[in-house]
Amino acid sequence: MRDEDENRPRDTVTHRIGEALDTLSLDELDARIALLTGEIARIEATRAAKKAALDQAGSIFRF
């Protein structure tokens, strides 16, 4: 029976903004925090790359 549990696909962690959180366990809340922290880092990295490209383009086209 334990093998069946280990072979079963695990649920992926997802989050919807505004979703009720009171029914989640501490482990589930920790997983949500990790998910959202990773997403924030991804967004910040994309923003930094876009800003760098914009700054570089601005320096090329200055008169």
N, C-alpha and C. Protein backbone atom coordinates (compact mmCIF):
# COMPACT_ATOMS: atom_id res chain seq x y z
N MET A 1 0.82 -1.19 0.00
CA MET A 1 0.00 0.00 0.00
C MET A 1 0.86 1.26 0.00
N ARG A 2 1.98 1.22 0.69
CA ARG A 2 2.86 2.37 0.71
C ARG A 2 3.42 2.64 -0.68
N ASP A 3 3.74 1.60 -1.43
CA ASP A 3 4.22 1.76 -2.79
C ASP A 3 3.20 2.47 -3.67
N GLU A 4 1.93 2.16 -3.46
CA GLU A 4 0.88 2.82 -4.24
C GLU A 4 0.85 4.32 -3.96
N ASP A 5 1.04 4.70 -2.70
CA ASP A 5 1.06 6.12 -2.35
C ASP A 5 2.26 6.83 -2.96
N GLU A 6 3.40 6.16 -2.99
CA GLU A 6 4.61 6.77 -3.53
C GLU A 6 4.54 6.89 -5.05
N ASN A 7 3.84 5.99 -5.71
CA ASN A 7 3.76 6.02 -7.17
C ASN A 7 2.65 6.93 -7.69
N ARG A 8 1.75 7.32 -6.80
CA ARG A 8 0.64 8.18 -7.20
C ARG A 8 1.19 9.59 -7.48
N PRO A 9 0.74 10.22 -8.57
CA PRO A 9 1.23 11.58 -8.85
C PRO A 9 0.85 12.52 -7.71
N ARG A 10 1.78 13.38 -7.36
CA ARG A 10 1.53 14.33 -6.29
C ARG A 10 0.80 15.55 -6.85
N ASP A 11 -0.04 16.11 -6.02
CA ASP A 11 -0.73 17.33 -6.42
C ASP A 11 0.27 18.46 -6.53
N THR A 12 0.14 19.26 -7.57
CA THR A 12 1.00 20.42 -7.69
C THR A 12 0.41 21.55 -6.85
N VAL A 13 1.27 22.35 -6.32
CA VAL A 13 0.84 23.47 -5.49
C VAL A 13 0.41 24.60 -6.41
N THR A 14 -0.78 25.09 -6.19
CA THR A 14 -1.27 26.24 -6.93
C THR A 14 -1.87 27.23 -5.94
N HIS A 15 -2.03 28.43 -6.39
CA HIS A 15 -2.62 29.44 -5.52
C HIS A 15 -3.42 30.42 -6.35
N ARG A 16 -4.56 30.79 -5.84
CA ARG A 16 -5.38 31.83 -6.46
C ARG A 16 -5.45 33.00 -5.51
N ILE A 17 -5.23 34.18 -6.03
CA ILE A 17 -5.29 35.38 -5.20
C ILE A 17 -6.68 35.49 -4.58
N GLY A 18 -6.73 35.74 -3.29
CA GLY A 18 -7.99 35.88 -2.58
C GLY A 18 -8.60 34.58 -2.11
N GLU A 19 -7.95 33.47 -2.40
CA GLU A 19 -8.46 32.16 -2.00
C GLU A 19 -8.48 32.04 -0.47
N ALA A 20 -9.49 31.37 0.06
CA ALA A 20 -9.57 31.15 1.51
C ALA A 20 -8.38 30.32 1.96
N LEU A 21 -7.76 30.73 3.05
CA LEU A 21 -6.57 30.06 3.55
C LEU A 21 -6.80 29.31 4.86
N ASP A 22 -7.94 29.53 5.47
CA ASP A 22 -8.18 28.97 6.80
C ASP A 22 -8.30 27.46 6.83
N THR A 23 -8.51 26.83 5.70
CA THR A 23 -8.64 25.37 5.67
C THR A 23 -7.31 24.67 5.37
N LEU A 24 -6.26 25.44 5.11
CA LEU A 24 -4.97 24.85 4.76
C LEU A 24 -4.15 24.51 5.99
N SER A 25 -3.36 23.45 5.89
CA SER A 25 -2.48 23.05 6.98
C SER A 25 -1.23 23.95 6.96
N LEU A 26 -0.43 23.84 8.01
CA LEU A 26 0.81 24.60 8.05
C LEU A 26 1.73 24.22 6.90
N ASP A 27 1.82 22.93 6.59
CA ASP A 27 2.65 22.49 5.47
C ASP A 27 2.14 23.06 4.15
N GLU A 28 0.84 23.10 3.98
CA GLU A 28 0.27 23.66 2.75
C GLU A 28 0.52 25.16 2.67
N LEU A 29 0.42 25.85 3.80
CA LEU A 29 0.73 27.28 3.80
C LEU A 29 2.19 27.53 3.48
N ASP A 30 3.08 26.69 4.03
CA ASP A 30 4.51 26.81 3.71
C ASP A 30 4.77 26.59 2.23
N ALA A 31 4.06 25.63 1.65
CA ALA A 31 4.21 25.36 0.21
C ALA A 31 3.74 26.55 -0.60
N ARG A 32 2.65 27.18 -0.19
CA ARG A 32 2.15 28.37 -0.89
C ARG A 32 3.15 29.51 -0.81
N ILE A 33 3.72 29.70 0.38
CA ILE A 33 4.72 30.76 0.56
C ILE A 33 5.92 30.51 -0.36
N ALA A 34 6.38 29.27 -0.41
CA ALA A 34 7.52 28.93 -1.28
C ALA A 34 7.17 29.18 -2.75
N LEU A 35 5.97 28.79 -3.15
CA LEU A 35 5.52 28.99 -4.52
C LEU A 35 5.50 30.48 -4.87
N LEU A 36 4.89 31.27 -4.01
CA LEU A 36 4.76 32.70 -4.29
C LEU A 36 6.09 33.43 -4.19
N THR A 37 6.96 33.01 -3.28
CA THR A 37 8.29 33.61 -3.18
C THR A 37 9.08 33.34 -4.47
N GLY A 38 8.99 32.13 -4.97
CA GLY A 38 9.65 31.80 -6.24
C GLY A 38 9.09 32.60 -7.40
N GLU A 39 7.79 32.79 -7.40
CA GLU A 39 7.15 33.57 -8.48
C GLU A 39 7.56 35.03 -8.40
N ILE A 40 7.66 35.57 -7.19
CA ILE A 40 8.11 36.95 -7.03
C ILE A 40 9.54 37.10 -7.54
N ALA A 41 10.40 36.15 -7.23
CA ALA A 41 11.78 36.19 -7.72
C ALA A 41 11.83 36.13 -9.24
N ARG A 42 10.98 35.31 -9.84
CA ARG A 42 10.94 35.20 -11.29
C ARG A 42 10.48 36.51 -11.93
N ILE A 43 9.47 37.13 -11.34
CA ILE A 43 8.96 38.40 -11.86
C ILE A 43 10.01 39.50 -11.71
N GLU A 44 10.68 39.54 -10.55
CA GLU A 44 11.71 40.55 -10.33
C GLU A 44 12.87 40.39 -11.32
N ALA A 45 13.26 39.15 -11.61
CA ALA A 45 14.34 38.91 -12.56
C ALA A 45 13.94 39.36 -13.96
N THR A 46 12.72 39.09 -14.35
CA THR A 46 12.23 39.52 -15.67
C THR A 46 12.17 41.03 -15.73
N ARG A 47 11.71 41.66 -14.66
CA ARG A 47 11.64 43.12 -14.61
C ARG A 47 13.03 43.72 -14.73
N ALA A 48 14.01 43.18 -14.01
CA ALA A 48 15.38 43.68 -14.05
C ALA A 48 15.97 43.55 -15.45
N ALA A 49 15.70 42.43 -16.11
CA ALA A 49 16.20 42.23 -17.47
C ALA A 49 15.57 43.23 -18.43
N LYS A 50 14.28 43.48 -18.31
CA LYS A 50 13.61 44.44 -19.18
C LYS A 50 14.12 45.85 -18.92
N LYS A 51 14.35 46.19 -17.65
CA LYS A 51 14.86 47.52 -17.33
C LYS A 51 16.26 47.70 -17.89
N ALA A 52 17.10 46.68 -17.78
CA ALA A 52 18.45 46.75 -18.32
C ALA A 52 18.42 46.95 -19.83
N ALA A 53 17.53 46.23 -20.51
CA ALA A 53 17.41 46.37 -21.97
C ALA A 53 16.93 47.78 -22.33
N LEU A 54 15.98 48.29 -21.56
CA LEU A 54 15.47 49.64 -21.80
C LEU A 54 16.55 50.69 -21.55
N ASP A 55 17.31 50.53 -20.48
CA ASP A 55 18.40 51.46 -20.18
C ASP A 55 19.47 51.42 -21.27
N GLN A 56 19.78 50.23 -21.75
CA GLN A 56 20.78 50.09 -22.81
C GLN A 56 20.28 50.74 -24.10
N ALA A 57 19.05 50.52 -24.44
CA ALA A 57 18.47 51.13 -25.64
C ALA A 57 18.44 52.65 -25.49
N GLY A 58 18.12 53.13 -24.29
CA GLY A 58 18.10 54.57 -24.06
C GLY A 58 19.47 55.19 -24.22
N SER A 59 20.51 54.48 -23.82
CA SER A 59 21.86 55.04 -23.95
C SER A 59 22.31 55.06 -25.41
N ILE A 60 21.82 54.18 -26.22
CA ILE A 60 22.19 54.13 -27.64
C ILE A 60 21.51 55.26 -28.40
N PHE A 61 20.26 55.56 -28.07
CA PHE A 61 19.48 56.52 -28.85
C PHE A 61 19.46 57.92 -28.25
N ARG A 62 20.35 58.23 -27.32
CA ARG A 62 20.41 59.60 -26.77
C ARG A 62 21.08 60.51 -27.77
N PHE A 63 20.59 61.71 -27.83
CA PHE A 63 21.17 62.70 -28.76
C PHE A 63 21.95 63.74 -28.02
